[in-house]
Amino acid sequence: MVNYYKATEKFLYNYNSLKASIENMKQEIEELDYREISAVNYEKEPTGKTYAFHSITEEAGIRAAEKKKLLEKRIKATQSKLERIDRAIKALNDTERQIITERYINGKQWWQVAYIVKFNERWCKELRRRAVQKVAIGLFGEKAMHEESTNTARQTS
């Protein structure tokens, strides 16, 4: 069973890394576009029974195009995940949003978060727990809501 709370925390902790990975993949695509493929002499290329052949240059071009397509697909998926995280965070109240942003995205320590939002650390951690559950529901929908109610029932038993 998926622990949606932990999965959400993992996404939040890695928010900046996911943004960096998008930029790195874009740069890699640019490098693929600018990489020059050397010319090959076709005279010595072997042919098959159909007299069709693929040169080293063609093979390199095909691999580069496939890699570019894969990178573009990964960029789109990562951007989509970040947009969903942003929408889920935007749905929080101001204090919850500030706690999530300062703790997970800006990497602040609890005492720093508490100072910023003007609550004690213990209350900040409780608000964080509630906010992460809300973000989890925003990301994973009803499944995360069901997990939250199951965990609450276990805690009260």
C-alpha atoms as a PDB file:
ATOM      1  CA  MET A   1       0.000   0.000   0.000  1.00  0.00           C
ATOM      2  CA  VAL A   2       1.259   3.435  -0.910  1.00  0.00           C
ATOM      3  CA  ASN A   3       1.900   5.844   1.926  1.00  0.00           C
ATOM      4  CA  TYR A   4       0.643   9.055   0.304  1.00  0.00           C
ATOM      5  CA  TYR A   5       1.871  11.250   3.159  1.00  0.00           C
ATOM      6  CA  LYS A   6       5.466  10.018   2.769  1.00  0.00           C
ATOM      7  CA  ALA A   7       5.251  10.212  -1.037  1.00  0.00           C
ATOM      8  CA  THR A   8       4.026  13.809  -0.769  1.00  0.00           C
ATOM      9  CA  GLU A   9       6.839  14.714   1.624  1.00  0.00           C
ATOM     10  CA  LYS A  10       9.330  13.200  -0.807  1.00  0.00           C
ATOM     11  CA  PHE A  11       7.969  15.356  -3.646  1.00  0.00           C
ATOM     12  CA  LEU A  12       8.053  18.457  -1.441  1.00  0.00           C
ATOM     13  CA  TYR A  13      11.621  17.841  -0.230  1.00  0.00           C
ATOM     14  CA  ASN A  14      12.736  17.292  -3.838  1.00  0.00           C
ATOM     15  CA  TYR A  15      10.774  20.200  -5.351  1.00  0.00           C
ATOM     16  CA  ASN A  16      13.875  22.262  -6.166  1.00  0.00           C
ATOM     17  CA  SER A  17      15.749  19.214  -7.455  1.00  0.00           C
ATOM     18  CA  LEU A  18      12.863  18.445  -9.814  1.00  0.00           C
ATOM     19  CA  LYS A  19      13.027  22.015 -11.153  1.00  0.00           C
ATOM     20  CA  ALA A  20      16.790  21.653 -11.629  1.00  0.00           C
ATOM     21  CA  SER A  21      16.323  18.344 -13.449  1.00  0.00           C
ATOM     22  CA  ILE A  22      14.008  20.044 -15.954  1.00  0.00           C
ATOM     23  CA  GLU A  23      16.650  22.664 -16.694  1.00  0.00           C
ATOM     24  CA  ASN A  24      19.339  19.975 -17.004  1.00  0.00           C
ATOM     25  CA  MET A  25      17.216  17.940 -19.417  1.00  0.00           C
ATOM     26  CA  LYS A  26      16.546  21.071 -21.510  1.00  0.00           C
ATOM     27  CA  GLN A  27      20.282  21.732 -21.656  1.00  0.00           C
ATOM     28  CA  GLU A  28      20.906  18.135 -22.682  1.00  0.00           C
ATOM     29  CA  ILE A  29      18.415  18.534 -25.547  1.00  0.00           C
ATOM     30  CA  GLU A  30      20.221  21.700 -26.652  1.00  0.00           C
ATOM     31  CA  GLU A  31      23.517  19.807 -26.595  1.00  0.00           C
ATOM     32  CA  LEU A  32      21.984  17.047 -28.710  1.00  0.00           C
ATOM     33  CA  ASP A  33      20.736  19.643 -31.198  1.00  0.00           C
ATOM     34  CA  TYR A  34      24.155  21.291 -31.519  1.00  0.00           C
ATOM     35  CA  ARG A  35      26.287  18.178 -31.523  1.00  0.00           C
ATOM     36  CA  GLU A  36      27.828  17.684 -34.901  1.00  0.00           C
ATOM     37  CA  ILE A  37      27.747  14.251 -36.424  1.00  0.00           C
ATOM     38  CA  SER A  38      30.817  13.477 -38.458  1.00  0.00           C
ATOM     39  CA  ALA A  39      30.526  12.555 -42.097  1.00  0.00           C
ATOM     40  CA  VAL A  40      30.994   8.928 -43.014  1.00  0.00           C
ATOM     41  CA  ASN A  41      32.221   7.411 -46.271  1.00  0.00           C
ATOM     42  CA  TYR A  42      29.384   5.217 -47.564  1.00  0.00           C
ATOM     43  CA  GLU A  43      31.516   3.298 -50.090  1.00  0.00           C
ATOM     44  CA  LYS A  44      32.587   0.652 -47.581  1.00  0.00           C
ATOM     45  CA  GLU A  45      29.209   0.286 -45.844  1.00  0.00           C
ATOM     46  CA  PRO A  46      27.906  -3.270 -46.064  1.00  0.00           C
ATOM     47  CA  THR A  47      24.538  -3.865 -47.657  1.00  0.00           C
ATOM     48  CA  GLY A  48      22.037  -6.606 -47.012  1.00  0.00           C
ATOM     49  CA  LYS A  49      20.042  -8.709 -49.456  1.00  0.00           C
ATOM     50  CA  THR A  50      17.686  -5.769 -49.913  1.00  0.00           C
ATOM     51  CA  TYR A  51      20.652  -3.513 -50.609  1.00  0.00           C
ATOM     52  CA  ALA A  52      19.445  -1.326 -47.709  1.00  0.00           C
ATOM     53  CA  PHE A  53      22.025  -0.041 -45.285  1.00  0.00           C
ATOM     54  CA  HIS A  54      22.222   2.197 -42.280  1.00  0.00           C
ATOM     55  CA  SER A  55      25.300   4.270 -41.845  1.00  0.00           C
ATOM     56  CA  ILE A  56      26.924   5.121 -38.544  1.00  0.00           C
ATOM     57  CA  THR A  57      25.728   8.685 -39.073  1.00  0.00           C
ATOM     58  CA  GLU A  58      22.121   7.584 -39.567  1.00  0.00           C
ATOM     59  CA  GLU A  59      22.277   5.364 -36.504  1.00  0.00           C
ATOM     60  CA  ALA A  60      23.691   8.224 -34.407  1.00  0.00           C
ATOM     61  CA  GLY A  61      20.968  10.537 -35.710  1.00  0.00           C
ATOM     62  CA  ILE A  62      18.259   8.018 -34.876  1.00  0.00           C
ATOM     63  CA  ARG A  63      19.651   7.502 -31.349  1.00  0.00           C
ATOM     64  CA  ALA A  64      19.870  11.276 -30.821  1.00  0.00           C
ATOM     65  CA  ALA A  65      16.272  11.748 -31.988  1.00  0.00           C
ATOM     66  CA  GLU A  66      15.058   8.944 -29.701  1.00  0.00           C
ATOM     67  CA  LYS A  67      16.960  10.374 -26.743  1.00  0.00           C
ATOM     68  CA  LYS A  68      15.562  13.850 -27.451  1.00  0.00           C
ATOM     69  CA  LYS A  69      12.013  12.447 -27.574  1.00  0.00           C
ATOM     70  CA  LEU A  70      12.564  10.605 -24.278  1.00  0.00           C
ATOM     71  CA  LEU A  71      13.970  13.745 -22.600  1.00  0.00           C
ATOM     72  CA  GLU A  72      11.026  15.834 -23.841  1.00  0.00           C
ATOM     73  CA  LYS A  73       8.628  13.238 -22.429  1.00  0.00           C
ATOM     74  CA  ARG A  74      10.417  13.310 -19.049  1.00  0.00           C
ATOM     75  CA  ILE A  75      10.400  17.120 -19.000  1.00  0.00           C
ATOM     76  CA  LYS A  76       6.672  17.170 -19.670  1.00  0.00           C
ATOM     77  CA  ALA A  77       5.994  14.605 -16.917  1.00  0.00           C
ATOM     78  CA  THR A  78       8.159  16.465 -14.381  1.00  0.00           C
ATOM     79  CA  GLN A  79       6.605  19.824 -15.258  1.00  0.00           C
ATOM     80  CA  SER A  80       3.161  18.296 -14.881  1.00  0.00           C
ATOM     81  CA  LYS A  81       4.056  16.956 -11.418  1.00  0.00           C
ATOM     82  CA  LEU A  82       5.415  20.355 -10.337  1.00  0.00           C
ATOM     83  CA  GLU A  83       2.277  22.106 -11.596  1.00  0.00           C
ATOM     84  CA  ARG A  84       0.119  19.680  -9.576  1.00  0.00           C
ATOM     85  CA  ILE A  85       2.254  20.316  -6.481  1.00  0.00           C
ATOM     86  CA  ASP A  86       1.951  24.083  -7.011  1.00  0.00           C
ATOM     87  CA  ARG A  87      -1.859  23.846  -7.308  1.00  0.00           C
ATOM     88  CA  ALA A  88      -2.073  21.712  -4.164  1.00  0.00           C
ATOM     89  CA  ILE A  89       0.100  24.183  -2.219  1.00  0.00           C
ATOM     90  CA  LYS A  90      -1.942  27.105  -3.523  1.00  0.00           C
ATOM     91  CA  ALA A  91      -5.068  25.484  -2.022  1.00  0.00           C
ATOM     92  CA  LEU A  92      -3.602  25.753   1.502  1.00  0.00           C
ATOM     93  CA  ASN A  93      -4.295  28.662   3.831  1.00  0.00           C
ATOM     94  CA  ASP A  94      -1.572  31.315   4.154  1.00  0.00           C
ATOM     95  CA  THR A  95       0.048  29.890   7.306  1.00  0.00           C
ATOM     96  CA  GLU A  96       0.077  26.308   6.007  1.00  0.00           C
ATOM     97  CA  ARG A  97       1.481  27.464   2.674  1.00  0.00           C
ATOM     98  CA  GLN A  98       4.216  29.446   4.407  1.00  0.00           C
ATOM     99  CA  ILE A  99       5.166  26.505   6.637  1.00  0.00           C
ATOM    100  CA  ILE A 100       5.329  24.106   3.668  1.00  0.00           C
ATOM    101  CA  THR A 101       7.289  26.580   1.553  1.00  0.00           C
ATOM    102  CA  GLU A 102       9.782  27.502   4.261  1.00  0.00           C
ATOM    103  CA  ARG A 103      10.335  23.955   5.529  1.00  0.00           C
ATOM    104  CA  TYR A 104      10.352  21.885   2.335  1.00  0.00           C
ATOM    105  CA  ILE A 105      11.126  24.248  -0.529  1.00  0.00           C
ATOM    106  CA  ASN A 106      13.407  26.739   1.229  1.00  0.00           C
ATOM    107  CA  GLY A 107      14.921  24.088   3.531  1.00  0.00           C
ATOM    108  CA  LYS A 108      14.609  26.065   6.762  1.00  0.00           C
ATOM    109  CA  GLN A 109      15.043  24.521  10.223  1.00  0.00           C
ATOM    110  CA  TRP A 110      11.981  24.249  12.482  1.00  0.00           C
ATOM    111  CA  TRP A 111      13.087  27.080  14.753  1.00  0.00           C
ATOM    112  CA  GLN A 112      13.421  29.331  11.692  1.00  0.00           C
ATOM    113  CA  VAL A 113       9.983  28.336  10.399  1.00  0.00           C
ATOM    114  CA  ALA A 114       8.483  28.969  13.841  1.00  0.00           C
ATOM    115  CA  TYR A 115      10.097  32.404  13.986  1.00  0.00           C
ATOM    116  CA  ILE A 116       8.778  33.331  10.518  1.00  0.00           C
ATOM    117  CA  VAL A 117       5.159  32.269  11.153  1.00  0.00           C
ATOM    118  CA  LYS A 118       5.237  33.356  14.811  1.00  0.00           C
ATOM    119  CA  PHE A 119       4.076  30.052  16.292  1.00  0.00           C
ATOM    120  CA  ASN A 120       5.984  27.583  18.443  1.00  0.00           C
ATOM    121  CA  GLU A 121       7.744  24.656  16.773  1.00  0.00           C
ATOM    122  CA  ARG A 122       5.305  22.064  18.062  1.00  0.00           C
ATOM    123  CA  TRP A 123       2.300  23.880  16.567  1.00  0.00           C
ATOM    124  CA  CYS A 124       4.207  24.427  13.307  1.00  0.00           C
ATOM    125  CA  LYS A 125       4.835  20.685  13.060  1.00  0.00           C
ATOM    126  CA  GLU A 126       1.132  19.975  13.618  1.00  0.00           C
ATOM    127  CA  LEU A 127       0.158  22.514  10.969  1.00  0.00           C
ATOM    128  CA  ARG A 128       2.745  20.939   8.664  1.00  0.00           C
ATOM    129  CA  ARG A 129       1.198  17.497   9.215  1.00  0.00           C
ATOM    130  CA  ARG A 130      -2.242  18.814   8.318  1.00  0.00           C
ATOM    131  CA  ALA A 131      -0.907  20.743   5.326  1.00  0.00           C
ATOM    132  CA  VAL A 132       1.010  17.747   3.938  1.00  0.00           C
ATOM    133  CA  GLN A 133      -2.176  15.680   4.209  1.00  0.00           C
ATOM    134  CA  LYS A 134      -4.032  18.365   2.250  1.00  0.00           C
ATOM    135  CA  VAL A 135      -1.298  18.469  -0.385  1.00  0.00           C
ATOM    136  CA  ALA A 136      -1.400  14.647  -0.578  1.00  0.00           C
ATOM    137  CA  ILE A 137      -5.137  14.807  -1.236  1.00  0.00           C
ATOM    138  CA  GLY A 138      -4.488  17.482  -3.862  1.00  0.00           C
ATOM    139  CA  LEU A 139      -1.917  15.240  -5.560  1.00  0.00           C
ATOM    140  CA  PHE A 140      -3.442  11.782  -5.165  1.00  0.00           C
ATOM    141  CA  GLY A 141      -7.159  12.502  -4.677  1.00  0.00           C
ATOM    142  CA  GLU A 142      -9.560  10.265  -2.810  1.00  0.00           C
ATOM    143  CA  LYS A 143      -6.996   7.527  -2.246  1.00  0.00           C
ATOM    144  CA  ALA A 144      -4.979   9.834   0.028  1.00  0.00           C
ATOM    145  CA  MET A 145      -8.177  10.950   1.775  1.00  0.00           C
ATOM    146  CA  HIS A 146      -8.988   7.318   2.540  1.00  0.00           C
ATOM    147  CA  GLU A 147      -5.490   6.735   3.928  1.00  0.00           C
ATOM    148  CA  GLU A 148      -5.827   9.813   6.151  1.00  0.00           C
ATOM    149  CA  SER A 149      -9.121   8.595   7.635  1.00  0.00           C
ATOM    150  CA  THR A 150      -7.677   5.099   8.165  1.00  0.00           C
ATOM    151  CA  ASN A 151      -4.611   6.530   9.988  1.00  0.00           C
ATOM    152  CA  THR A 152      -6.804   8.780  12.127  1.00  0.00           C
ATOM    153  CA  ALA A 153      -8.975   5.817  13.107  1.00  0.00           C
ATOM    154  CA  ARG A 154      -5.883   3.803  14.114  1.00  0.00           C
ATOM    155  CA  GLN A 155      -4.561   6.693  16.218  1.00  0.00           C
ATOM    156  CA  THR A 156      -7.820   7.038  18.180  1.00  0.00           C
ATOM    157  CA  SER A 157      -8.130   3.281  18.834  1.00  0.00           C
END
